[in-house]
């Protein structure tokens, strides 16, 4: 739904819920260190906890699918404009010519092994939910080096308006 339930969200709770949700998948990646870090000034942030969890969950699940060695770091930090949550992996990376299409519904990166599964809706959902929360999602990637997804959310006042 597009209904947004604004409340003060504890980022550690969101990250902990995601960590539980992806536990089985992460166990199939013994050579990947998955870590979550909330900077002190980002402990809480006004948002919709359910939508925020879906976004982070989709990004971490994707990172686990495409990272077989190295690390996935999930961080939350305050910035002047609001909050940034980053999911950075050391996975296969995304070819530059595919980056523009990854947020489209049913998009699959060409040459991606079918074993990664999924129908290509995860990032489309992430983009829609980020917009619903007044934010945006960005990606940087290098083939063979990894990918970083950044969710930027604007600071809000108590009435729910963006600054």
N, C-alpha and C. Protein backbone atom coordinates (compact mmCIF):
# COMPACT_ATOMS: atom_id res chain seq x y z
N UNK A 1 0.84 -1.19 0.00
CA UNK A 1 0.00 0.00 0.00
C UNK A 1 0.88 1.24 0.00
N UNK A 2 0.27 2.35 -0.38
CA UNK A 2 1.02 3.60 -0.37
C UNK A 2 0.80 4.36 0.93
N UNK A 3 -0.04 3.80 1.81
CA UNK A 3 -0.25 4.40 3.12
C UNK A 3 1.07 4.33 3.89
N UNK A 4 1.49 5.47 4.44
CA UNK A 4 2.75 5.49 5.18
C UNK A 4 2.47 5.67 6.67
N UNK A 5 3.03 4.77 7.47
CA UNK A 5 2.88 4.84 8.93
C UNK A 5 4.13 5.49 9.52
N UNK A 6 4.11 6.82 9.65
CA UNK A 6 5.28 7.52 10.16
C UNK A 6 5.44 7.29 11.65
N UNK A 7 6.62 6.88 12.06
CA UNK A 7 6.93 6.82 13.48
C UNK A 7 8.44 6.90 13.65
N UNK A 8 8.85 7.10 14.88
CA UNK A 8 10.29 7.14 15.18
C UNK A 8 10.80 5.70 15.12
N UNK A 9 11.67 5.42 14.18
CA UNK A 9 12.13 4.05 13.95
C UNK A 9 13.53 3.88 14.52
N UNK A 10 13.71 2.79 15.26
CA UNK A 10 15.06 2.43 15.72
C UNK A 10 15.72 1.62 14.61
N UNK A 11 16.78 2.18 14.02
CA UNK A 11 17.45 1.52 12.90
C UNK A 11 18.02 0.16 13.31
N UNK A 12 18.49 0.04 14.55
CA UNK A 12 19.04 -1.24 15.01
C UNK A 12 17.96 -2.33 14.98
N UNK A 13 16.71 -1.95 15.27
CA UNK A 13 15.61 -2.93 15.23
C UNK A 13 15.34 -3.37 13.80
N UNK A 14 15.35 -2.42 12.87
CA UNK A 14 15.15 -2.74 11.46
C UNK A 14 16.25 -3.68 10.98
N UNK A 15 17.50 -3.33 11.28
CA UNK A 15 18.64 -4.14 10.85
C UNK A 15 18.59 -5.54 11.46
N UNK A 16 18.20 -5.61 12.74
CA UNK A 16 18.11 -6.89 13.43
C UNK A 16 17.04 -7.77 12.79
N UNK A 17 15.91 -7.19 12.42
CA UNK A 17 14.83 -7.95 11.77
C UNK A 17 15.30 -8.47 10.41
N UNK A 18 16.02 -7.63 9.67
CA UNK A 18 16.54 -8.05 8.36
C UNK A 18 17.55 -9.18 8.55
N UNK A 19 18.43 -9.01 9.53
CA UNK A 19 19.45 -10.04 9.78
C UNK A 19 18.78 -11.39 10.07
N UNK A 20 17.69 -11.38 10.83
CA UNK A 20 16.95 -12.61 11.10
C UNK A 20 16.32 -13.17 9.83
N UNK A 21 15.73 -12.28 9.02
CA UNK A 21 15.06 -12.71 7.79
C UNK A 21 16.02 -13.36 6.80
N UNK A 22 17.24 -12.87 6.72
CA UNK A 22 18.19 -13.38 5.71
C UNK A 22 19.14 -14.43 6.29
N UNK A 23 18.88 -14.84 7.54
CA UNK A 23 19.81 -15.75 8.21
C UNK A 23 20.10 -17.00 7.40
N UNK A 24 19.06 -17.68 6.92
CA UNK A 24 19.28 -18.93 6.19
C UNK A 24 20.09 -18.69 4.92
N UNK A 25 19.74 -17.65 4.19
CA UNK A 25 20.48 -17.33 2.97
C UNK A 25 21.94 -17.00 3.30
N UNK A 26 22.15 -16.26 4.38
CA UNK A 26 23.53 -15.89 4.74
C UNK A 26 24.35 -17.11 5.15
N UNK A 27 23.68 -18.13 5.70
CA UNK A 27 24.40 -19.35 6.08
C UNK A 27 24.92 -20.10 4.85
N UNK A 28 24.30 -19.86 3.71
CA UNK A 28 24.77 -20.49 2.46
C UNK A 28 25.92 -19.70 1.85
N UNK A 29 26.34 -18.65 2.53
CA UNK A 29 27.47 -17.83 2.08
C UNK A 29 28.52 -17.78 3.18
N UNK A 30 29.18 -18.94 3.45
CA UNK A 30 30.13 -18.99 4.57
C UNK A 30 31.34 -18.08 4.38
N UNK A 31 31.63 -17.69 3.13
CA UNK A 31 32.80 -16.84 2.88
C UNK A 31 32.45 -15.36 2.76
N UNK A 32 31.25 -15.01 3.23
CA UNK A 32 30.81 -13.61 3.18
C UNK A 32 30.52 -13.14 4.60
N UNK A 33 31.17 -12.05 4.99
CA UNK A 33 30.91 -11.46 6.31
C UNK A 33 29.81 -10.42 6.15
N UNK A 34 28.67 -10.67 6.78
CA UNK A 34 27.54 -9.73 6.73
C UNK A 34 27.54 -8.94 8.02
N UNK A 35 27.63 -7.62 7.91
CA UNK A 35 27.65 -6.79 9.12
C UNK A 35 26.70 -5.61 8.98
N UNK A 36 26.15 -5.21 10.12
CA UNK A 36 25.21 -4.09 10.19
C UNK A 36 25.78 -3.08 11.17
N UNK A 37 25.74 -1.81 10.80
CA UNK A 37 26.30 -0.78 11.67
C UNK A 37 25.43 0.48 11.61
N UNK A 38 24.98 0.92 12.78
CA UNK A 38 24.21 2.15 12.88
C UNK A 38 25.08 3.18 13.59
N UNK A 39 25.40 4.27 12.92
CA UNK A 39 26.17 5.33 13.58
C UNK A 39 25.34 5.92 14.70
N UNK A 40 26.01 6.39 15.75
CA UNK A 40 25.33 6.86 16.96
C UNK A 40 24.27 7.91 16.65
N UNK A 41 24.56 8.82 15.72
CA UNK A 41 23.62 9.90 15.46
C UNK A 41 22.44 9.45 14.58
N UNK A 42 22.46 8.19 14.16
CA UNK A 42 21.38 7.67 13.31
C UNK A 42 20.57 6.60 14.04
N UNK A 43 20.62 6.60 15.37
CA UNK A 43 19.94 5.55 16.14
C UNK A 43 18.45 5.48 15.82
N UNK A 44 17.81 6.64 15.74
CA UNK A 44 16.39 6.67 15.39
C UNK A 44 16.17 7.66 14.27
N UNK A 45 15.10 7.42 13.52
CA UNK A 45 14.78 8.29 12.38
C UNK A 45 13.30 8.14 12.07
N UNK A 46 12.60 9.26 11.80
CA UNK A 46 11.18 9.15 11.48
C UNK A 46 10.97 8.52 10.10
N UNK A 47 10.29 7.38 10.08
CA UNK A 47 10.05 6.70 8.82
C UNK A 47 8.92 5.69 9.03
N UNK A 48 8.71 4.84 8.03
CA UNK A 48 7.74 3.76 8.14
C UNK A 48 8.56 2.47 8.33
N UNK A 49 8.49 1.86 9.53
CA UNK A 49 9.38 0.73 9.82
C UNK A 49 9.18 -0.46 8.88
N UNK A 50 7.94 -0.72 8.48
CA UNK A 50 7.67 -1.87 7.62
C UNK A 50 8.27 -1.65 6.23
N UNK A 51 8.03 -0.47 5.66
CA UNK A 51 8.55 -0.17 4.32
C UNK A 51 10.08 -0.11 4.34
N UNK A 52 10.63 0.47 5.40
CA UNK A 52 12.09 0.55 5.51
C UNK A 52 12.69 -0.85 5.58
N UNK A 53 12.05 -1.74 6.33
CA UNK A 53 12.55 -3.11 6.45
C UNK A 53 12.50 -3.82 5.10
N UNK A 54 11.42 -3.63 4.34
CA UNK A 54 11.31 -4.28 3.03
C UNK A 54 12.44 -3.81 2.11
N UNK A 55 12.72 -2.51 2.14
CA UNK A 55 13.80 -1.96 1.30
C UNK A 55 15.14 -2.60 1.66
N UNK A 56 15.50 -2.54 2.95
CA UNK A 56 16.80 -3.07 3.38
C UNK A 56 16.86 -4.58 3.14
N UNK A 57 15.75 -5.27 3.40
CA UNK A 57 15.70 -6.71 3.20
C UNK A 57 15.98 -7.07 1.73
N UNK A 58 15.32 -6.37 0.81
CA UNK A 58 15.54 -6.64 -0.62
C UNK A 58 16.98 -6.38 -1.03
N UNK A 59 17.55 -5.27 -0.53
CA UNK A 59 18.93 -4.93 -0.89
C UNK A 59 19.92 -5.95 -0.34
N UNK A 60 19.72 -6.39 0.91
CA UNK A 60 20.64 -7.36 1.52
C UNK A 60 20.49 -8.72 0.85
N UNK A 61 19.25 -9.12 0.55
CA UNK A 61 19.01 -10.40 -0.13
C UNK A 61 19.71 -10.41 -1.48
N UNK A 62 19.58 -9.32 -2.23
CA UNK A 62 20.28 -9.21 -3.52
C UNK A 62 21.78 -9.32 -3.34
N UNK A 63 22.30 -8.59 -2.35
CA UNK A 63 23.75 -8.61 -2.11
C UNK A 63 24.21 -10.04 -1.81
N UNK A 64 23.42 -10.76 -1.01
CA UNK A 64 23.80 -12.14 -0.68
C UNK A 64 23.76 -13.04 -1.91
N UNK A 65 22.81 -12.81 -2.80
CA UNK A 65 22.71 -13.63 -4.02
C UNK A 65 23.94 -13.46 -4.90
N UNK A 66 24.47 -12.22 -4.94
CA UNK A 66 25.52 -11.91 -5.90
C UNK A 66 26.91 -11.77 -5.29
N UNK A 67 27.05 -12.14 -4.01
CA UNK A 67 28.35 -12.06 -3.34
C UNK A 67 28.70 -13.44 -2.79
N UNK A 68 29.78 -14.00 -3.30
CA UNK A 68 30.19 -15.33 -2.82
C UNK A 68 31.44 -15.27 -1.96
N UNK A 69 32.11 -14.13 -1.98
CA UNK A 69 33.36 -13.99 -1.24
C UNK A 69 33.50 -12.54 -0.80
N UNK A 70 33.91 -12.35 0.45
CA UNK A 70 34.17 -10.98 0.91
C UNK A 70 33.18 -10.52 1.95
N UNK A 71 32.52 -9.39 1.68
CA UNK A 71 31.69 -8.81 2.73
C UNK A 71 30.48 -8.08 2.16
N UNK A 72 29.51 -7.94 3.04
CA UNK A 72 28.36 -7.08 2.80
C UNK A 72 28.23 -6.23 4.05
N UNK A 73 28.33 -4.92 3.86
CA UNK A 73 28.23 -3.99 4.99
C UNK A 73 26.99 -3.14 4.84
N UNK A 74 26.15 -3.15 5.87
CA UNK A 74 24.94 -2.34 5.87
C UNK A 74 25.14 -1.25 6.92
N UNK A 75 25.07 0.01 6.50
CA UNK A 75 25.32 1.10 7.43
C UNK A 75 24.20 2.14 7.34
N UNK A 76 23.93 2.76 8.49
CA UNK A 76 22.99 3.87 8.55
C UNK A 76 23.72 5.05 9.14
N UNK A 77 23.61 6.20 8.47
CA UNK A 77 24.27 7.40 9.00
C UNK A 77 23.44 8.63 8.68
N UNK A 78 23.56 9.62 9.56
CA UNK A 78 22.88 10.89 9.33
C UNK A 78 23.71 11.72 8.36
N UNK A 79 23.01 12.46 7.53
CA UNK A 79 23.63 13.45 6.66
C UNK A 79 22.81 14.73 6.83
N UNK A 80 23.31 15.83 6.29
CA UNK A 80 22.61 17.11 6.46
C UNK A 80 21.15 17.01 6.01
N UNK A 81 20.90 16.29 4.92
CA UNK A 81 19.56 16.22 4.35
C UNK A 81 18.67 15.21 5.07
N UNK A 82 19.25 14.30 5.87
CA UNK A 82 18.43 13.29 6.51
C UNK A 82 19.21 12.06 6.88
N UNK A 83 18.87 10.94 6.23
CA UNK A 83 19.48 9.65 6.57
C UNK A 83 19.93 8.95 5.30
N UNK A 84 21.07 8.26 5.38
CA UNK A 84 21.52 7.41 4.28
C UNK A 84 21.74 6.01 4.82
N UNK A 85 21.14 5.04 4.16
CA UNK A 85 21.40 3.63 4.46
C UNK A 85 22.11 3.05 3.25
N UNK A 86 23.29 2.48 3.48
CA UNK A 86 24.06 1.90 2.38
C UNK A 86 24.19 0.39 2.56
N UNK A 87 24.07 -0.32 1.45
CA UNK A 87 24.35 -1.75 1.41
C UNK A 87 25.47 -1.93 0.41
N UNK A 88 26.67 -2.21 0.91
CA UNK A 88 27.86 -2.31 0.06
C UNK A 88 28.35 -3.75 0.06
N UNK A 89 28.50 -4.32 -1.14
CA UNK A 89 28.98 -5.69 -1.22
C UNK A 89 30.24 -5.78 -2.07
N UNK A 90 30.92 -6.92 -1.96
CA UNK A 90 32.13 -7.18 -2.75
C UNK A 90 31.81 -8.25 -3.80
N UNK A 91 30.58 -8.21 -4.30
CA UNK A 91 30.11 -9.24 -5.22
C UNK A 91 30.52 -9.03 -6.65
N UNK A 92 29.76 -9.66 -7.57
CA UNK A 92 30.12 -9.70 -8.98
C UNK A 92 30.04 -8.34 -9.66
N UNK A 93 29.25 -7.44 -9.09
CA UNK A 93 29.10 -6.13 -9.71
C UNK A 93 28.08 -6.16 -10.83
N UNK A 94 27.71 -4.97 -11.29
CA UNK A 94 26.71 -4.82 -12.34
C UNK A 94 27.35 -4.10 -13.50
N UNK A 95 27.25 -4.65 -14.72
CA UNK A 95 27.83 -3.97 -15.88
C UNK A 95 27.22 -2.58 -16.05
N UNK A 96 28.04 -1.61 -16.44
CA UNK A 96 27.58 -0.24 -16.58
C UNK A 96 26.36 -0.13 -17.49
N UNK A 97 26.34 -0.93 -18.57
CA UNK A 97 25.23 -0.83 -19.51
C UNK A 97 23.93 -1.41 -18.95
N UNK A 98 24.00 -2.08 -17.83
CA UNK A 98 22.79 -2.65 -17.22
C UNK A 98 22.28 -1.80 -16.06
N UNK A 99 23.11 -0.88 -15.55
CA UNK A 99 22.74 -0.11 -14.37
C UNK A 99 21.44 0.66 -14.57
N UNK A 100 21.23 1.21 -15.76
CA UNK A 100 20.05 2.04 -15.99
C UNK A 100 18.76 1.23 -15.97
N UNK A 101 18.87 -0.08 -16.11
CA UNK A 101 17.67 -0.91 -16.21
C UNK A 101 17.33 -1.68 -14.95
N UNK A 102 18.22 -1.70 -13.96
CA UNK A 102 18.01 -2.62 -12.83
C UNK A 102 16.80 -2.27 -11.98
N UNK A 103 16.32 -1.03 -12.04
CA UNK A 103 15.16 -0.65 -11.21
C UNK A 103 13.84 -0.83 -11.94
N UNK A 104 13.87 -1.32 -13.18
CA UNK A 104 12.64 -1.55 -13.93
C UNK A 104 12.01 -2.86 -13.48
N UNK A 105 10.70 -2.95 -13.58
CA UNK A 105 10.01 -4.18 -13.21
C UNK A 105 10.48 -5.31 -14.12
N UNK A 106 10.72 -6.46 -13.52
CA UNK A 106 11.12 -7.69 -14.22
C UNK A 106 12.47 -7.58 -14.92
N UNK A 107 13.27 -6.59 -14.55
CA UNK A 107 14.60 -6.46 -15.17
C UNK A 107 15.51 -7.56 -14.65
N UNK A 108 16.25 -8.17 -15.53
CA UNK A 108 17.28 -9.14 -15.16
C UNK A 108 18.56 -8.67 -15.83
N UNK A 109 19.65 -8.71 -15.11
CA UNK A 109 20.92 -8.31 -15.70
C UNK A 109 21.34 -9.40 -16.69
N UNK A 110 21.57 -9.04 -17.96
CA UNK A 110 21.97 -10.06 -18.94
C UNK A 110 23.23 -10.77 -18.49
N UNK A 111 23.26 -12.08 -18.72
CA UNK A 111 24.45 -12.84 -18.36
C UNK A 111 24.46 -13.28 -16.91
N UNK A 112 23.41 -12.88 -16.16
CA UNK A 112 23.33 -13.30 -14.77
C UNK A 112 22.91 -14.76 -14.74
N UNK A 113 23.62 -15.59 -13.99
CA UNK A 113 23.24 -17.00 -13.93
C UNK A 113 21.81 -17.16 -13.43
N UNK A 114 21.06 -18.06 -14.06
CA UNK A 114 19.67 -18.29 -13.67
C UNK A 114 19.57 -18.76 -12.22
N UNK A 115 20.65 -19.35 -11.69
CA UNK A 115 20.59 -19.90 -10.33
C UNK A 115 20.34 -18.81 -9.29
N UNK A 116 20.53 -17.54 -9.68
CA UNK A 116 20.27 -16.48 -8.71
C UNK A 116 18.79 -16.32 -8.46
N UNK A 117 17.97 -16.82 -9.38
CA UNK A 117 16.53 -16.83 -9.17
C UNK A 117 15.92 -15.45 -9.06
N UNK A 118 14.65 -15.43 -8.71
CA UNK A 118 13.94 -14.16 -8.58
C UNK A 118 13.36 -13.74 -9.91
N UNK A 119 12.35 -12.88 -9.83
CA UNK A 119 11.68 -12.45 -11.06
C UNK A 119 12.07 -11.03 -11.44
N UNK A 120 12.95 -10.43 -10.67
CA UNK A 120 13.40 -9.08 -11.02
C UNK A 120 12.49 -8.00 -10.50
N UNK A 121 11.75 -8.28 -9.43
CA UNK A 121 10.88 -7.25 -8.86
C UNK A 121 11.49 -6.56 -7.64
N UNK A 122 12.51 -7.17 -7.05
CA UNK A 122 13.07 -6.63 -5.82
C UNK A 122 13.49 -5.18 -5.89
N UNK A 123 14.29 -4.82 -6.89
CA UNK A 123 14.79 -3.44 -6.98
C UNK A 123 13.70 -2.48 -7.44
N UNK A 124 12.76 -2.99 -8.23
CA UNK A 124 11.62 -2.17 -8.63
C UNK A 124 10.82 -1.77 -7.39
N UNK A 125 10.58 -2.74 -6.51
CA UNK A 125 9.86 -2.49 -5.26
C UNK A 125 10.65 -1.51 -4.39
N UNK A 126 11.96 -1.72 -4.31
CA UNK A 126 12.82 -0.82 -3.54
C UNK A 126 12.67 0.62 -4.02
N UNK A 127 12.69 0.80 -5.34
CA UNK A 127 12.59 2.17 -5.89
C UNK A 127 11.24 2.78 -5.56
N UNK A 128 10.17 2.00 -5.71
CA UNK A 128 8.82 2.51 -5.42
C UNK A 128 8.69 2.89 -3.95
N UNK A 129 9.17 2.02 -3.06
CA UNK A 129 9.06 2.30 -1.62
C UNK A 129 9.91 3.49 -1.21
N UNK A 130 11.10 3.60 -1.80
CA UNK A 130 11.96 4.76 -1.49
C UNK A 130 11.23 6.05 -1.85
N UNK A 131 10.57 6.06 -3.02
CA UNK A 131 9.82 7.24 -3.45
C UNK A 131 8.64 7.50 -2.50
N UNK A 132 7.97 6.44 -2.08
CA UNK A 132 6.84 6.58 -1.15
C UNK A 132 7.29 7.24 0.14
N UNK A 133 8.52 6.95 0.57
CA UNK A 133 9.06 7.54 1.79
C UNK A 133 9.70 8.91 1.53
N UNK A 134 9.56 9.41 0.31
CA UNK A 134 10.11 10.72 -0.02
C UNK A 134 11.59 10.69 -0.33
N UNK A 135 12.15 9.49 -0.46
CA UNK A 135 13.59 9.36 -0.68
C UNK A 135 13.92 8.88 -2.07
N UNK A 136 15.17 8.46 -2.23
CA UNK A 136 15.60 7.94 -3.53
C UNK A 136 16.67 6.88 -3.30
N UNK A 137 16.81 6.06 -4.32
CA UNK A 137 17.81 4.99 -4.26
C UNK A 137 18.82 5.22 -5.37
N UNK A 138 20.09 5.05 -5.04
CA UNK A 138 21.14 5.22 -6.05
C UNK A 138 22.05 4.01 -5.98
N UNK A 139 22.79 3.78 -7.06
CA UNK A 139 23.67 2.61 -7.10
C UNK A 139 24.99 2.98 -7.78
N UNK A 140 26.07 2.46 -7.24
CA UNK A 140 27.36 2.52 -7.92
C UNK A 140 27.88 1.09 -7.95
N UNK A 141 28.55 0.73 -9.04
CA UNK A 141 29.01 -0.64 -9.16
C UNK A 141 30.20 -0.73 -10.09
N UNK A 142 31.04 -1.72 -9.82
CA UNK A 142 32.15 -2.04 -10.71
C UNK A 142 32.18 -3.55 -10.87
N UNK A 143 32.17 -4.02 -12.10
CA UNK A 143 32.16 -5.46 -12.35
C UNK A 143 33.38 -6.09 -11.70
N UNK A 144 33.15 -7.15 -10.95
CA UNK A 144 34.22 -7.87 -10.28
C UNK A 144 34.67 -7.25 -8.97
N UNK A 145 34.13 -6.07 -8.64
CA UNK A 145 34.54 -5.40 -7.41
C UNK A 145 33.42 -5.22 -6.40
N UNK A 146 32.19 -5.13 -6.91
CA UNK A 146 31.08 -5.01 -5.98
C UNK A 146 30.14 -3.89 -6.33
N UNK A 147 29.12 -3.77 -5.49
CA UNK A 147 28.03 -2.83 -5.71
C UNK A 147 27.65 -2.17 -4.40
N UNK A 148 27.32 -0.89 -4.47
CA UNK A 148 26.80 -0.17 -3.30
C UNK A 148 25.47 0.47 -3.66
N UNK A 149 24.44 0.11 -2.91
CA UNK A 149 23.14 0.76 -3.04
C UNK A 149 23.02 1.75 -1.90
N UNK A 150 22.56 2.97 -2.21
CA UNK A 150 22.39 4.01 -1.19
C UNK A 150 20.95 4.48 -1.19
N UNK A 151 20.30 4.34 -0.04
CA UNK A 151 18.95 4.85 0.15
C UNK A 151 19.08 6.17 0.89
N UNK A 152 18.61 7.26 0.28
CA UNK A 152 18.63 8.57 0.93
C UNK A 152 17.22 8.96 1.31
N UNK A 153 17.02 9.25 2.58
CA UNK A 153 15.71 9.66 3.07
C UNK A 153 15.80 11.06 3.65
N UNK A 154 14.85 11.92 3.29
CA UNK A 154 14.90 13.30 3.78
C UNK A 154 14.49 13.38 5.25
N UNK A 155 15.07 14.34 5.96
CA UNK A 155 14.64 14.59 7.33
C UNK A 155 13.21 15.09 7.30
N UNK A 156 12.44 14.76 8.33
CA UNK A 156 11.05 15.18 8.40
C UNK A 156 10.80 15.86 9.73
N UNK A 157 9.81 16.74 9.73
CA UNK A 157 9.41 17.32 11.02
C UNK A 157 8.33 16.42 11.62
N UNK A 158 7.90 16.72 12.83
CA UNK A 158 6.95 15.84 13.51
C UNK A 158 5.62 15.72 12.75
N UNK A 159 5.28 16.74 11.99
CA UNK A 159 4.02 16.70 11.23
C UNK A 159 4.11 15.81 10.02
N UNK A 160 5.33 15.34 9.71
CA UNK A 160 5.50 14.42 8.60
C UNK A 160 5.90 15.09 7.30
N UNK A 161 6.10 16.42 7.34
CA UNK A 161 6.51 17.10 6.12
C UNK A 161 8.00 17.01 5.92
N UNK A 162 8.45 17.03 4.66
CA UNK A 162 9.90 17.03 4.38
C UNK A 162 10.47 18.42 4.67
N UNK A 163 11.73 18.43 5.04
CA UNK A 163 12.42 19.72 5.24
C UNK A 163 12.91 20.24 3.91
